[in-house]
Amino acid sequence: MSLAYILTEQRLRALALTSTEFARLQASTLRAKLLKIGAVILRNTRRVRVMLSSAFPYQAIFIAAVHALDSP
């Protein structure tokens, strides 16, 4: 299981976080700061919405990473 986390975070760094301050973080730090966050997930028939807390300090980096991973 930990190997899967490390490989996922390596790929996340390579695709979405190259020009951010998170590009050189260790896997455990990246997971704690960017992936282990509280959110509300709303789902209906057309879309899934993830609502982050407005107090989340890395919200801009998270959104940029999601957009980078979403584009082909």
PDB file of N, CA and C in Angstrom:
ATOM      1  N   MET A   1       0.818  -1.192   0.000  1.00  0.00           N
ATOM      2  CA  MET A   1       0.000   0.000   0.000  1.00  0.00           C
ATOM      3  C   MET A   1       0.863   1.259   0.000  1.00  0.00           C
ATOM      4  N   SER A   2       1.917   1.292   0.783  1.00  0.00           N
ATOM      5  CA  SER A   2       2.747   2.497   0.822  1.00  0.00           C
ATOM      6  C   SER A   2       3.470   2.712  -0.494  1.00  0.00           C
ATOM      7  N   LEU A   3       3.806   1.635  -1.204  1.00  0.00           N
ATOM      8  CA  LEU A   3       4.428   1.779  -2.516  1.00  0.00           C
ATOM      9  C   LEU A   3       3.476   2.468  -3.490  1.00  0.00           C
ATOM     10  N   ALA A   4       2.209   2.129  -3.428  1.00  0.00           N
ATOM     11  CA  ALA A   4       1.217   2.767  -4.294  1.00  0.00           C
ATOM     12  C   ALA A   4       1.116   4.264  -3.991  1.00  0.00           C
ATOM     13  N   TYR A   5       1.130   4.637  -2.715  1.00  0.00           N
ATOM     14  CA  TYR A   5       1.098   6.055  -2.360  1.00  0.00           C
ATOM     15  C   TYR A   5       2.320   6.783  -2.908  1.00  0.00           C
ATOM     16  N   ILE A   6       3.475   6.198  -2.753  1.00  0.00           N
ATOM     17  CA  ILE A   6       4.709   6.848  -3.202  1.00  0.00           C
ATOM     18  C   ILE A   6       4.717   7.000  -4.715  1.00  0.00           C
ATOM     19  N   LEU A   7       4.300   5.964  -5.435  1.00  0.00           N
ATOM     20  CA  LEU A   7       4.254   6.055  -6.892  1.00  0.00           C
ATOM     21  C   LEU A   7       3.229   7.083  -7.360  1.00  0.00           C
ATOM     22  N   THR A   8       2.094   7.126  -6.705  1.00  0.00           N
ATOM     23  CA  THR A   8       1.073   8.124  -7.050  1.00  0.00           C
ATOM     24  C   THR A   8       1.595   9.534  -6.808  1.00  0.00           C
ATOM     25  N   GLU A   9       2.258   9.744  -5.705  1.00  0.00           N
ATOM     26  CA  GLU A   9       2.762  11.075  -5.389  1.00  0.00           C
ATOM     27  C   GLU A   9       3.927  11.466  -6.291  1.00  0.00           C
ATOM     28  N   GLN A  10       4.733  10.514  -6.708  1.00  0.00           N
ATOM     29  CA  GLN A  10       5.806  10.800  -7.666  1.00  0.00           C
ATOM     30  C   GLN A  10       5.198  11.271  -8.989  1.00  0.00           C
ATOM     31  N   ARG A  11       4.151  10.589  -9.430  1.00  0.00           N
ATOM     32  CA  ARG A  11       3.483  10.960 -10.681  1.00  0.00           C
ATOM     33  C   ARG A  11       2.781  12.312 -10.536  1.00  0.00           C
ATOM     34  N   LEU A  12       2.176  12.553  -9.396  1.00  0.00           N
ATOM     35  CA  LEU A  12       1.536  13.838  -9.133  1.00  0.00           C
ATOM     36  C   LEU A  12       2.556  14.962  -9.200  1.00  0.00           C
ATOM     37  N   ARG A  13       3.710  14.743  -8.603  1.00  0.00           N
ATOM     38  CA  ARG A  13       4.779  15.749  -8.658  1.00  0.00           C
ATOM     39  C   ARG A  13       5.221  15.999 -10.092  1.00  0.00           C
ATOM     40  N   ALA A  14       5.400  14.932 -10.862  1.00  0.00           N
ATOM     41  CA  ALA A  14       5.904  15.068 -12.231  1.00  0.00           C
ATOM     42  C   ALA A  14       4.908  15.759 -13.155  1.00  0.00           C
ATOM     43  N   LEU A  15       3.619  15.493 -12.978  1.00  0.00           N
ATOM     44  CA  LEU A  15       2.612  16.049 -13.881  1.00  0.00           C
ATOM     45  C   LEU A  15       2.065  17.399 -13.450  1.00  0.00           C
ATOM     46  N   ALA A  16       1.889  17.607 -12.161  1.00  0.00           N
ATOM     47  CA  ALA A  16       1.114  18.768 -11.737  1.00  0.00           C
ATOM     48  C   ALA A  16       1.831  19.736 -10.806  1.00  0.00           C
ATOM     49  N   LEU A  17       2.888  19.316 -10.174  1.00  0.00           N
ATOM     50  CA  LEU A  17       3.499  20.168  -9.151  1.00  0.00           C
ATOM     51  C   LEU A  17       4.910  20.625  -9.494  1.00  0.00           C
ATOM     52  N   THR A  18       5.290  20.578 -10.750  1.00  0.00           N
ATOM     53  CA  THR A  18       6.673  20.883 -11.114  1.00  0.00           C
ATOM     54  C   THR A  18       7.083  22.316 -10.811  1.00  0.00           C
ATOM     55  N   SER A  19       6.176  23.263 -10.962  1.00  0.00           N
ATOM     56  CA  SER A  19       6.544  24.668 -10.760  1.00  0.00           C
ATOM     57  C   SER A  19       6.020  25.229  -9.439  1.00  0.00           C
ATOM     58  N   THR A  20       5.718  24.358  -8.492  1.00  0.00           N
ATOM     59  CA  THR A  20       5.190  24.822  -7.207  1.00  0.00           C
ATOM     60  C   THR A  20       6.182  24.527  -6.089  1.00  0.00           C
ATOM     61  N   GLU A  21       5.858  25.019  -4.921  1.00  0.00           N
ATOM     62  CA  GLU A  21       6.707  24.768  -3.753  1.00  0.00           C
ATOM     63  C   GLU A  21       6.613  23.319  -3.278  1.00  0.00           C
ATOM     64  N   PHE A  22       5.656  22.561  -3.794  1.00  0.00           N
ATOM     65  CA  PHE A  22       5.468  21.170  -3.392  1.00  0.00           C
ATOM     66  C   PHE A  22       6.263  20.196  -4.261  1.00  0.00           C
ATOM     67  N   ALA A  23       6.996  20.673  -5.223  1.00  0.00           N
ATOM     68  CA  ALA A  23       7.692  19.805  -6.176  1.00  0.00           C
ATOM     69  C   ALA A  23       8.761  18.938  -5.518  1.00  0.00           C
ATOM     70  N   ARG A  24       9.319  19.366  -4.413  1.00  0.00           N
ATOM     71  CA  ARG A  24      10.417  18.624  -3.802  1.00  0.00           C
ATOM     72  C   ARG A  24      10.097  18.079  -2.408  1.00  0.00           C
ATOM     73  N   LEU A  25       8.829  18.050  -2.046  1.00  0.00           N
ATOM     74  CA  LEU A  25       8.450  17.539  -0.729  1.00  0.00           C
ATOM     75  C   LEU A  25       8.549  16.021  -0.673  1.00  0.00           C
ATOM     76  N   GLN A  26       8.784  15.509   0.514  1.00  0.00           N
ATOM     77  CA  GLN A  26       8.763  14.065   0.701  1.00  0.00           C
ATOM     78  C   GLN A  26       7.329  13.569   0.582  1.00  0.00           C
ATOM     79  N   ALA A  27       7.187  12.270   0.317  1.00  0.00           N
ATOM     80  CA  ALA A  27       5.862  11.687   0.088  1.00  0.00           C
ATOM     81  C   ALA A  27       4.948  11.885   1.292  1.00  0.00           C
ATOM     82  N   SER A  28       5.447  11.683   2.486  1.00  0.00           N
ATOM     83  CA  SER A  28       4.597  11.823   3.673  1.00  0.00           C
ATOM     84  C   SER A  28       4.163  13.274   3.887  1.00  0.00           C
ATOM     85  N   THR A  29       5.041  14.227   3.618  1.00  0.00           N
ATOM     86  CA  THR A  29       4.697  15.635   3.773  1.00  0.00           C
ATOM     87  C   THR A  29       3.692  16.064   2.714  1.00  0.00           C
ATOM     88  N   LEU A  30       3.891  15.605   1.496  1.00  0.00           N
ATOM     89  CA  LEU A  30       2.960  15.920   0.417  1.00  0.00           C
ATOM     90  C   LEU A  30       1.574  15.363   0.724  1.00  0.00           C
ATOM     91  N   ARG A  31       1.515  14.161   1.213  1.00  0.00           N
ATOM     92  CA  ARG A  31       0.237  13.547   1.570  1.00  0.00           C
ATOM     93  C   ARG A  31      -0.445  14.330   2.693  1.00  0.00           C
ATOM     94  N   ALA A  32       0.315  14.741   3.695  1.00  0.00           N
ATOM     95  CA  ALA A  32      -0.260  15.459   4.833  1.00  0.00           C
ATOM     96  C   ALA A  32      -0.747  16.859   4.451  1.00  0.00           C
ATOM     97  N   LYS A  33      -0.010  17.549   3.595  1.00  0.00           N
ATOM     98  CA  LYS A  33      -0.354  18.932   3.277  1.00  0.00           C
ATOM     99  C   LYS A  33      -1.345  19.072   2.133  1.00  0.00           C
ATOM    100  N   LEU A  34      -1.320  18.148   1.174  1.00  0.00           N
ATOM    101  CA  LEU A  34      -2.131  18.339  -0.021  1.00  0.00           C
ATOM    102  C   LEU A  34      -3.257  17.323  -0.180  1.00  0.00           C
ATOM    103  N   LEU A  35      -3.069  16.111   0.300  1.00  0.00           N
ATOM    104  CA  LEU A  35      -4.065  15.071   0.043  1.00  0.00           C
ATOM    105  C   LEU A  35      -4.954  14.756   1.239  1.00  0.00           C
ATOM    106  N   LYS A  36      -4.462  14.912   2.437  1.00  0.00           N
ATOM    107  CA  LYS A  36      -5.261  14.604   3.632  1.00  0.00           C
ATOM    108  C   LYS A  36      -5.942  15.881   4.123  1.00  0.00           C
ATOM    109  N   ILE A  37      -6.985  16.262   3.424  1.00  0.00           N
ATOM    110  CA  ILE A  37      -7.687  17.488   3.756  1.00  0.00           C
ATOM    111  C   ILE A  37      -9.175  17.187   3.909  1.00  0.00           C
ATOM    112  N   GLY A  38      -9.842  18.020   4.649  1.00  0.00           N
ATOM    113  CA  GLY A  38     -11.276  17.871   4.814  1.00  0.00           C
ATOM    114  C   GLY A  38     -12.006  18.550   3.674  1.00  0.00           C
ATOM    115  N   ALA A  39     -13.043  17.915   3.182  1.00  0.00           N
ATOM    116  CA  ALA A  39     -13.838  18.483   2.096  1.00  0.00           C
ATOM    117  C   ALA A  39     -15.245  17.921   2.174  1.00  0.00           C
ATOM    118  N   VAL A  40     -16.144  18.618   1.542  1.00  0.00           N
ATOM    119  CA  VAL A  40     -17.513  18.145   1.389  1.00  0.00           C
ATOM    120  C   VAL A  40     -17.678  17.755  -0.069  1.00  0.00           C
ATOM    121  N   ILE A  41     -18.177  16.564  -0.310  1.00  0.00           N
ATOM    122  CA  ILE A  41     -18.366  16.078  -1.676  1.00  0.00           C
ATOM    123  C   ILE A  41     -19.860  16.010  -1.958  1.00  0.00           C
ATOM    124  N   LEU A  42     -20.278  16.723  -2.984  1.00  0.00           N
ATOM    125  CA  LEU A  42     -21.670  16.727  -3.413  1.00  0.00           C
ATOM    126  C   LEU A  42     -21.741  16.018  -4.765  1.00  0.00           C
ATOM    127  N   ARG A  43     -22.645  15.072  -4.882  1.00  0.00           N
ATOM    128  CA  ARG A  43     -22.749  14.293  -6.111  1.00  0.00           C
ATOM    129  C   ARG A  43     -24.186  14.298  -6.591  1.00  0.00           C
ATOM    130  N   ASN A  44     -24.358  14.581  -7.872  1.00  0.00           N
ATOM    131  CA  ASN A  44     -25.663  14.409  -8.488  1.00  0.00           C
ATOM    132  C   ASN A  44     -25.467  13.638  -9.792  1.00  0.00           C
ATOM    133  N   THR A  45     -26.474  13.593 -10.645  1.00  0.00           N
ATOM    134  CA  THR A  45     -26.375  12.749 -11.836  1.00  0.00           C
ATOM    135  C   THR A  45     -25.392  13.276 -12.867  1.00  0.00           C
ATOM    136  N   ARG A  46     -25.111  14.541 -12.872  1.00  0.00           N
ATOM    137  CA  ARG A  46     -24.233  15.118 -13.887  1.00  0.00           C
ATOM    138  C   ARG A  46     -22.801  15.362 -13.443  1.00  0.00           C
ATOM    139  N   ARG A  47     -22.589  15.677 -12.196  1.00  0.00           N
ATOM    140  CA  ARG A  47     -21.241  16.067 -11.779  1.00  0.00           C
ATOM    141  C   ARG A  47     -20.984  15.739 -10.319  1.00  0.00           C
ATOM    142  N   VAL A  48     -19.707  15.785  -9.999  1.00  0.00           N
ATOM    143  CA  VAL A  48     -19.259  15.643  -8.618  1.00  0.00           C
ATOM    144  C   VAL A  48     -18.565  16.946  -8.258  1.00  0.00           C
ATOM    145  N   ARG A  49     -18.987  17.553  -7.154  1.00  0.00           N
ATOM    146  CA  ARG A  49     -18.380  18.806  -6.698  1.00  0.00           C
ATOM    147  C   ARG A  49     -17.648  18.548  -5.392  1.00  0.00           C
ATOM    148  N   VAL A  50     -16.437  19.041  -5.322  1.00  0.00           N
ATOM    149  CA  VAL A  50     -15.635  18.954  -4.102  1.00  0.00           C
ATOM    150  C   VAL A  50     -15.519  20.362  -3.551  1.00  0.00           C
ATOM    151  N   MET A  51     -16.004  20.545  -2.344  1.00  0.00           N
ATOM    152  CA  MET A  51     -15.975  21.862  -1.718  1.00  0.00           C
ATOM    153  C   MET A  51     -14.925  21.861  -0.610  1.00  0.00           C
ATOM    154  N   LEU A  52     -13.854  22.615  -0.845  1.00  0.00           N
ATOM    155  CA  LEU A  52     -12.778  22.742   0.125  1.00  0.00           C
ATOM    156  C   LEU A  52     -13.101  23.858   1.112  1.00  0.00           C
ATOM    157  N   SER A  53     -12.504  23.789   2.253  1.00  0.00           N
ATOM    158  CA  SER A  53     -12.652  24.850   3.236  1.00  0.00           C
ATOM    159  C   SER A  53     -11.978  26.113   2.713  1.00  0.00           C
ATOM    160  N   SER A  54     -12.580  27.249   2.954  1.00  0.00           N
ATOM    161  CA  SER A  54     -11.971  28.514   2.520  1.00  0.00           C
ATOM    162  C   SER A  54     -10.704  28.819   3.317  1.00  0.00           C
ATOM    163  N   ALA A  55     -10.510  28.136   4.441  1.00  0.00           N
ATOM    164  CA  ALA A  55      -9.323  28.341   5.262  1.00  0.00           C
ATOM    165  C   ALA A  55      -8.172  27.413   4.864  1.00  0.00           C
ATOM    166  N   PHE A  56      -8.364  26.549   3.871  1.00  0.00           N
ATOM    167  CA  PHE A  56      -7.309  25.635   3.426  1.00  0.00           C
ATOM    168  C   PHE A  56      -6.177  26.447   2.801  1.00  0.00           C
ATOM    169  N   PRO A  57      -4.977  26.441   3.379  1.00  0.00           N
ATOM    170  CA  PRO A  57      -3.923  27.346   2.926  1.00  0.00           C
ATOM    171  C   PRO A  57      -3.331  27.001   1.558  1.00  0.00           C
ATOM    172  N   TYR A  58      -3.478  25.778   1.090  1.00  0.00           N
ATOM    173  CA  TYR A  58      -2.886  25.367  -0.178  1.00  0.00           C
ATOM    174  C   TYR A  58      -3.939  25.149  -1.249  1.00  0.00           C
ATOM    175  N   GLN A  59      -5.041  25.864  -1.146  1.00  0.00           N
ATOM    176  CA  GLN A  59      -6.158  25.676  -2.063  1.00  0.00           C
ATOM    177  C   GLN A  59      -5.767  25.989  -3.505  1.00  0.00           C
ATOM    178  N   ALA A  60      -5.010  27.036  -3.736  1.00  0.00           N
ATOM    179  CA  ALA A  60      -4.617  27.405  -5.101  1.00  0.00           C
ATOM    180  C   ALA A  60      -3.742  26.326  -5.731  1.00  0.00           C
ATOM    181  N   ILE A  61      -2.823  25.764  -4.953  1.00  0.00           N
ATOM    182  CA  ILE A  61      -1.961  24.702  -5.470  1.00  0.00           C
ATOM    183  C   ILE A  61      -2.775  23.451  -5.746  1.00  0.00           C
ATOM    184  N   PHE A  62      -3.712  23.133  -4.874  1.00  0.00           N
ATOM    185  CA  PHE A  62      -4.577  21.965  -5.065  1.00  0.00           C
ATOM    186  C   PHE A  62      -5.394  22.105  -6.347  1.00  0.00           C
ATOM    187  N   ILE A  63      -5.989  23.263  -6.566  1.00  0.00           N
ATOM    188  CA  ILE A  63      -6.803  23.489  -7.754  1.00  0.00           C
ATOM    189  C   ILE A  63      -5.945  23.449  -9.015  1.00  0.00           C
ATOM    190  N   ALA A  64      -4.760  24.043  -8.972  1.00  0.00           N
ATOM    191  CA  ALA A  64      -3.863  23.995 -10.127  1.00  0.00           C
ATOM    192  C   ALA A  64      -3.445  22.560 -10.447  1.00  0.00           C
ATOM    193  N   ALA A  65      -3.207  21.756  -9.419  1.00  0.00           N
ATOM    194  CA  ALA A  65      -2.830  20.354  -9.632  1.00  0.00           C
ATOM    195  C   ALA A  65      -3.980  19.569 -10.244  1.00  0.00           C
ATOM    196  N   VAL A  66      -5.203  19.810  -9.777  1.00  0.00           N
ATOM    197  CA  VAL A  66      -6.369  19.119 -10.340  1.00  0.00           C
ATOM    198  C   VAL A  66      -6.539  19.490 -11.810  1.00  0.00           C
ATOM    199  N   HIS A  67      -6.386  20.763 -12.141  1.00  0.00           N
ATOM    200  CA  HIS A  67      -6.530  21.180 -13.532  1.00  0.00           C
ATOM    201  C   HIS A  67      -5.407  20.599 -14.403  1.00  0.00           C
ATOM    202  N   ALA A  68      -4.205  20.519 -13.870  1.00  0.00           N
ATOM    203  CA  ALA A  68      -3.094  19.945 -14.630  1.00  0.00           C
ATOM    204  C   ALA A  68      -3.303  18.460 -14.885  1.00  0.00           C
ATOM    205  N   LEU A  69      -3.868  17.766 -13.921  1.00  0.00           N
ATOM    206  CA  LEU A  69      -4.143  16.344 -14.098  1.00  0.00           C
ATOM    207  C   LEU A  69      -5.350  16.101 -14.996  1.00  0.00           C
ATOM    208  N   ASP A  70      -6.263  17.043 -15.045  1.00  0.00           N
ATOM    209  CA  ASP A  70      -7.478  16.901 -15.854  1.00  0.00           C
ATOM    210  C   ASP A  70      -7.222  17.122 -17.332  1.00  0.00           C
ATOM    211  N   SER A  71      -6.280  17.987 -17.670  1.00  0.00           N
ATOM    212  CA  SER A  71      -6.020  18.272 -19.085  1.00  0.00           C
ATOM    213  C   SER A  71      -5.216  17.123 -19.712  1.00  0.00           C
ATOM    214  N   PRO A  72      -5.535  16.800 -20.969  1.00  0.00           N
ATOM    215  CA  PRO A  72      -4.853  15.653 -21.618  1.00  0.00           C
ATOM    216  C   PRO A  72      -3.422  15.895 -21.967  1.00  0.00           C
TER     217      PRO A  72
END
